Amino acid sequence: MSSQPSERFNSFAEFYPYYLEEHRNPTCRRLHYVGSLLVLVVLGYALFSGQWLWLLALPVIGYGFAWVGHFVFERNRPATFAYPLYSLMGDWVMLKDMLTGRLRF
């Protein structure tokens, strides 16, 4: 498994290229894509139905799919452990980049 870089990132713009390097495997990216979309679906369901207990499933869904991608397919340690906020931001920017065709999945 690859290790986290020794450098500290001063901005998300500096972090995002590193984040993409940690997501080279297409299956890992696809699992992130599915997990992020399911998070949006479950969030929407909870908001519209008023069944707030579903909100507890959001981290399990989002991180579950992503971490399977990293540990099984990418064979690296998720950036979430060293850069939780930037990593969360990266998930949503990567989803946007995949939906707009900027990034292949």
N, C-alpha and C. Protein backbone atom coordinates (compact mmCIF):
# COMPACT_ATOMS: atom_id res chain seq x y z
N MET A 1 0.85 -1.18 0.00
CA MET A 1 0.00 0.00 0.00
C MET A 1 0.89 1.23 0.00
N SER A 2 0.49 2.22 -0.77
CA SER A 2 1.29 3.44 -0.82
C SER A 2 1.09 4.23 0.45
N SER A 3 2.08 5.02 0.76
CA SER A 3 2.00 5.83 1.97
C SER A 3 1.57 7.25 1.61
N GLN A 4 1.19 7.98 2.62
CA GLN A 4 0.79 9.36 2.42
C GLN A 4 2.03 10.20 2.13
N PRO A 5 1.90 11.27 1.35
CA PRO A 5 3.07 12.11 1.08
C PRO A 5 3.50 12.84 2.34
N SER A 6 4.80 13.14 2.41
CA SER A 6 5.32 13.84 3.59
C SER A 6 4.98 15.33 3.55
N GLU A 7 4.67 15.84 2.38
CA GLU A 7 4.36 17.26 2.26
C GLU A 7 2.95 17.56 2.78
N ARG A 8 2.76 18.78 3.22
CA ARG A 8 1.44 19.25 3.62
C ARG A 8 0.92 20.13 2.50
N PHE A 9 -0.33 20.02 2.21
CA PHE A 9 -0.94 20.81 1.15
C PHE A 9 -1.49 22.10 1.73
N ASN A 10 -1.23 23.21 1.05
CA ASN A 10 -1.67 24.51 1.52
C ASN A 10 -3.04 24.90 1.00
N SER A 11 -3.53 24.15 0.02
CA SER A 11 -4.84 24.47 -0.57
C SER A 11 -5.40 23.21 -1.22
N PHE A 12 -6.70 23.26 -1.47
CA PHE A 12 -7.32 22.13 -2.16
C PHE A 12 -6.76 22.02 -3.59
N ALA A 13 -6.46 23.15 -4.21
CA ALA A 13 -5.90 23.13 -5.57
C ALA A 13 -4.57 22.37 -5.61
N GLU A 14 -3.79 22.46 -4.56
CA GLU A 14 -2.54 21.69 -4.48
C GLU A 14 -2.82 20.21 -4.21
N PHE A 15 -3.86 19.94 -3.44
CA PHE A 15 -4.18 18.58 -3.03
C PHE A 15 -4.81 17.75 -4.15
N TYR A 16 -5.65 18.36 -4.97
CA TYR A 16 -6.46 17.60 -5.92
C TYR A 16 -5.64 16.76 -6.90
N PRO A 17 -4.51 17.24 -7.45
CA PRO A 17 -3.72 16.35 -8.32
C PRO A 17 -3.22 15.10 -7.58
N TYR A 18 -2.82 15.26 -6.32
CA TYR A 18 -2.43 14.11 -5.51
C TYR A 18 -3.62 13.16 -5.35
N TYR A 19 -4.79 13.73 -5.06
CA TYR A 19 -6.01 12.94 -4.88
C TYR A 19 -6.30 12.10 -6.12
N LEU A 20 -6.17 12.71 -7.29
CA LEU A 20 -6.41 11.98 -8.54
C LEU A 20 -5.39 10.86 -8.74
N GLU A 21 -4.14 11.09 -8.35
CA GLU A 21 -3.11 10.05 -8.44
C GLU A 21 -3.48 8.84 -7.59
N GLU A 22 -4.15 9.08 -6.48
CA GLU A 22 -4.56 8.01 -5.58
C GLU A 22 -5.81 7.29 -6.09
N HIS A 23 -6.35 7.73 -7.21
CA HIS A 23 -7.56 7.14 -7.80
C HIS A 23 -7.34 6.79 -9.27
N ARG A 24 -6.21 6.18 -9.57
CA ARG A 24 -5.90 5.80 -10.95
C ARG A 24 -6.69 4.59 -11.41
N ASN A 25 -7.02 3.70 -10.50
CA ASN A 25 -7.72 2.47 -10.87
C ASN A 25 -9.18 2.78 -11.22
N PRO A 26 -9.63 2.39 -12.42
CA PRO A 26 -11.00 2.69 -12.84
C PRO A 26 -12.07 2.09 -11.92
N THR A 27 -11.83 0.90 -11.38
CA THR A 27 -12.82 0.30 -10.48
C THR A 27 -12.94 1.10 -9.20
N CYS A 28 -11.83 1.58 -8.69
CA CYS A 28 -11.87 2.43 -7.50
C CYS A 28 -12.69 3.69 -7.77
N ARG A 29 -12.44 4.33 -8.91
CA ARG A 29 -13.21 5.54 -9.27
C ARG A 29 -14.70 5.21 -9.41
N ARG A 30 -15.01 4.08 -10.02
CA ARG A 30 -16.42 3.69 -10.19
C ARG A 30 -17.10 3.45 -8.83
N LEU A 31 -16.39 2.85 -7.91
CA LEU A 31 -16.95 2.64 -6.58
C LEU A 31 -17.19 3.97 -5.87
N HIS A 32 -16.29 4.93 -6.04
CA HIS A 32 -16.51 6.27 -5.50
C HIS A 32 -17.76 6.89 -6.12
N TYR A 33 -17.88 6.73 -7.43
CA TYR A 33 -19.01 7.28 -8.17
C TYR A 33 -20.33 6.70 -7.63
N VAL A 34 -20.41 5.38 -7.51
CA VAL A 34 -21.62 4.73 -7.01
C VAL A 34 -21.91 5.17 -5.57
N GLY A 35 -20.89 5.16 -4.73
CA GLY A 35 -21.08 5.56 -3.34
C GLY A 35 -21.56 6.99 -3.22
N SER A 36 -20.98 7.91 -3.98
CA SER A 36 -21.38 9.33 -3.92
C SER A 36 -22.82 9.51 -4.41
N LEU A 37 -23.17 8.83 -5.49
CA LEU A 37 -24.54 8.95 -5.98
C LEU A 37 -25.54 8.35 -5.00
N LEU A 38 -25.20 7.23 -4.37
CA LEU A 38 -26.08 6.64 -3.37
C LEU A 38 -26.24 7.55 -2.15
N VAL A 39 -25.17 8.24 -1.77
CA VAL A 39 -25.26 9.21 -0.68
C VAL A 39 -26.29 10.28 -1.03
N LEU A 40 -26.24 10.78 -2.26
CA LEU A 40 -27.19 11.81 -2.67
C LEU A 40 -28.63 11.27 -2.67
N VAL A 41 -28.81 10.04 -3.14
CA VAL A 41 -30.15 9.44 -3.16
C VAL A 41 -30.69 9.26 -1.75
N VAL A 42 -29.88 8.72 -0.86
CA VAL A 42 -30.33 8.48 0.52
C VAL A 42 -30.56 9.82 1.23
N LEU A 43 -29.71 10.80 1.00
CA LEU A 43 -29.90 12.12 1.58
C LEU A 43 -31.22 12.73 1.11
N GLY A 44 -31.48 12.64 -0.18
CA GLY A 44 -32.74 13.14 -0.72
C GLY A 44 -33.94 12.43 -0.12
N TYR A 45 -33.84 11.12 0.00
CA TYR A 45 -34.94 10.34 0.59
C TYR A 45 -35.19 10.77 2.03
N ALA A 46 -34.12 10.91 2.80
CA ALA A 46 -34.27 11.30 4.21
C ALA A 46 -34.90 12.69 4.32
N LEU A 47 -34.47 13.61 3.48
CA LEU A 47 -35.00 14.97 3.54
C LEU A 47 -36.47 15.04 3.13
N PHE A 48 -36.83 14.32 2.10
CA PHE A 48 -38.21 14.38 1.61
C PHE A 48 -39.18 13.51 2.41
N SER A 49 -38.67 12.44 3.01
CA SER A 49 -39.56 11.56 3.77
C SER A 49 -39.62 11.92 5.25
N GLY A 50 -38.64 12.68 5.70
CA GLY A 50 -38.57 12.99 7.12
C GLY A 50 -38.07 11.84 7.97
N GLN A 51 -37.54 10.81 7.34
CA GLN A 51 -37.00 9.65 8.06
C GLN A 51 -35.51 9.90 8.31
N TRP A 52 -35.23 10.66 9.37
CA TRP A 52 -33.89 11.18 9.64
C TRP A 52 -32.89 10.09 10.00
N LEU A 53 -33.36 8.94 10.42
CA LEU A 53 -32.45 7.86 10.78
C LEU A 53 -31.59 7.43 9.59
N TRP A 54 -32.10 7.62 8.39
CA TRP A 54 -31.34 7.28 7.18
C TRP A 54 -30.05 8.09 7.08
N LEU A 55 -30.00 9.25 7.71
CA LEU A 55 -28.79 10.08 7.66
C LEU A 55 -27.60 9.36 8.28
N LEU A 56 -27.86 8.47 9.22
CA LEU A 56 -26.77 7.70 9.83
C LEU A 56 -26.08 6.77 8.84
N ALA A 57 -26.78 6.42 7.77
CA ALA A 57 -26.20 5.53 6.76
C ALA A 57 -25.25 6.24 5.81
N LEU A 58 -25.30 7.57 5.77
CA LEU A 58 -24.51 8.30 4.79
C LEU A 58 -23.00 8.03 4.88
N PRO A 59 -22.38 8.12 6.06
CA PRO A 59 -20.94 7.83 6.11
C PRO A 59 -20.63 6.38 5.75
N VAL A 60 -21.48 5.46 6.14
CA VAL A 60 -21.25 4.04 5.84
C VAL A 60 -21.28 3.83 4.32
N ILE A 61 -22.26 4.43 3.67
CA ILE A 61 -22.37 4.29 2.21
C ILE A 61 -21.19 4.96 1.51
N GLY A 62 -20.97 6.22 1.85
CA GLY A 62 -19.91 6.98 1.16
C GLY A 62 -18.54 6.38 1.37
N TYR A 63 -18.17 6.16 2.63
CA TYR A 63 -16.85 5.62 2.91
C TYR A 63 -16.76 4.14 2.57
N GLY A 64 -17.83 3.41 2.73
CA GLY A 64 -17.80 1.97 2.45
C GLY A 64 -17.39 1.67 1.02
N PHE A 65 -18.07 2.27 0.08
CA PHE A 65 -17.73 2.04 -1.33
C PHE A 65 -16.31 2.52 -1.63
N ALA A 66 -15.97 3.70 -1.13
CA ALA A 66 -14.65 4.27 -1.42
C ALA A 66 -13.53 3.41 -0.84
N TRP A 67 -13.70 2.98 0.40
CA TRP A 67 -12.62 2.23 1.04
C TRP A 67 -12.45 0.85 0.44
N VAL A 68 -13.52 0.23 -0.02
CA VAL A 68 -13.36 -1.04 -0.75
C VAL A 68 -12.53 -0.78 -2.01
N GLY A 69 -12.81 0.31 -2.69
CA GLY A 69 -12.04 0.66 -3.88
C GLY A 69 -10.56 0.82 -3.58
N HIS A 70 -10.27 1.47 -2.47
CA HIS A 70 -8.85 1.70 -2.13
C HIS A 70 -8.15 0.44 -1.65
N PHE A 71 -8.75 -0.26 -0.71
CA PHE A 71 -8.06 -1.41 -0.13
C PHE A 71 -8.00 -2.60 -1.08
N VAL A 72 -9.04 -2.81 -1.90
CA VAL A 72 -9.09 -3.99 -2.76
C VAL A 72 -8.51 -3.72 -4.15
N PHE A 73 -8.85 -2.60 -4.75
CA PHE A 73 -8.46 -2.37 -6.15
C PHE A 73 -7.27 -1.43 -6.29
N GLU A 74 -7.27 -0.34 -5.58
CA GLU A 74 -6.19 0.64 -5.69
C GLU A 74 -4.98 0.20 -4.87
N ARG A 75 -5.24 -0.57 -3.81
CA ARG A 75 -4.21 -1.06 -2.90
C ARG A 75 -3.40 0.09 -2.29
N ASN A 76 -4.14 1.08 -1.82
CA ASN A 76 -3.49 2.18 -1.11
C ASN A 76 -4.35 2.59 0.07
N ARG A 77 -3.83 3.48 0.86
CA ARG A 77 -4.54 3.95 2.05
C ARG A 77 -5.35 5.17 1.66
N PRO A 78 -6.65 5.19 1.97
CA PRO A 78 -7.47 6.34 1.59
C PRO A 78 -6.92 7.65 2.14
N ALA A 79 -6.97 8.68 1.33
CA ALA A 79 -6.48 10.00 1.74
C ALA A 79 -7.28 10.56 2.91
N THR A 80 -8.45 10.02 3.15
CA THR A 80 -9.30 10.46 4.25
C THR A 80 -8.55 10.43 5.58
N PHE A 81 -7.67 9.47 5.76
CA PHE A 81 -6.99 9.32 7.03
C PHE A 81 -6.04 10.47 7.32
N ALA A 82 -5.41 11.01 6.30
CA ALA A 82 -4.46 12.12 6.49
C ALA A 82 -5.07 13.48 6.18
N TYR A 83 -6.02 13.50 5.26
CA TYR A 83 -6.60 14.77 4.79
C TYR A 83 -8.12 14.66 4.74
N PRO A 84 -8.79 14.60 5.87
CA PRO A 84 -10.24 14.33 5.85
C PRO A 84 -11.07 15.36 5.09
N LEU A 85 -10.82 16.64 5.30
CA LEU A 85 -11.63 17.66 4.63
C LEU A 85 -11.33 17.72 3.14
N TYR A 86 -10.06 17.78 2.79
CA TYR A 86 -9.69 17.82 1.38
C TYR A 86 -10.15 16.55 0.65
N SER A 87 -10.09 15.43 1.33
CA SER A 87 -10.53 14.18 0.71
C SER A 87 -12.03 14.19 0.44
N LEU A 88 -12.80 14.68 1.40
CA LEU A 88 -14.25 14.79 1.19
C LEU A 88 -14.55 15.73 0.03
N MET A 89 -13.86 16.85 -0.01
CA MET A 89 -14.04 17.78 -1.13
C MET A 89 -13.65 17.11 -2.44
N GLY A 90 -12.56 16.34 -2.41
CA GLY A 90 -12.10 15.65 -3.61
C GLY A 90 -13.11 14.67 -4.15
N ASP A 91 -13.83 13.98 -3.24
CA ASP A 91 -14.86 13.04 -3.69
C ASP A 91 -15.90 13.75 -4.55
N TRP A 92 -16.33 14.92 -4.10
CA TRP A 92 -17.40 15.63 -4.83
C TRP A 92 -16.88 16.29 -6.09
N VAL A 93 -15.65 16.78 -6.07
CA VAL A 93 -15.08 17.36 -7.29
C VAL A 93 -14.83 16.25 -8.31
N MET A 94 -14.35 15.09 -7.85
CA MET A 94 -14.14 13.97 -8.77
C MET A 94 -15.47 13.51 -9.36
N LEU A 95 -16.52 13.47 -8.56
CA LEU A 95 -17.85 13.10 -9.09
C LEU A 95 -18.27 14.09 -10.16
N LYS A 96 -18.11 15.37 -9.89
CA LYS A 96 -18.45 16.39 -10.89
C LYS A 96 -17.62 16.20 -12.15
N ASP A 97 -16.32 15.95 -11.98
CA ASP A 97 -15.45 15.74 -13.13
C ASP A 97 -15.84 14.50 -13.94
N MET A 98 -16.33 13.46 -13.27
CA MET A 98 -16.77 12.26 -13.98
C MET A 98 -18.10 12.54 -14.71
N LEU A 99 -19.01 13.25 -14.05
CA LEU A 99 -20.30 13.54 -14.67
C LEU A 99 -20.18 14.48 -15.86
N THR A 100 -19.19 15.37 -15.83
CA THR A 100 -19.01 16.33 -16.93
C THR A 100 -18.08 15.81 -18.02
N GLY A 101 -17.53 14.59 -17.83
CA GLY A 101 -16.66 14.00 -18.84
C GLY A 101 -15.22 14.44 -18.75
N ARG A 102 -14.87 15.23 -17.77
CA ARG A 102 -13.47 15.68 -17.60
C ARG A 102 -12.58 14.52 -17.15
N LEU A 103 -13.17 13.56 -16.44
CA LEU A 103 -12.44 12.42 -15.93
C LEU A 103 -13.16 11.14 -16.34
N ARG A 104 -12.42 10.20 -16.89
CA ARG A 104 -13.02 8.92 -17.28
C ARG A 104 -13.31 8.07 -16.07
N PHE A 105 -14.41 7.34 -16.16
CA PHE A 105 -14.71 6.37 -15.12
C PHE A 105 -15.13 5.11 -15.79
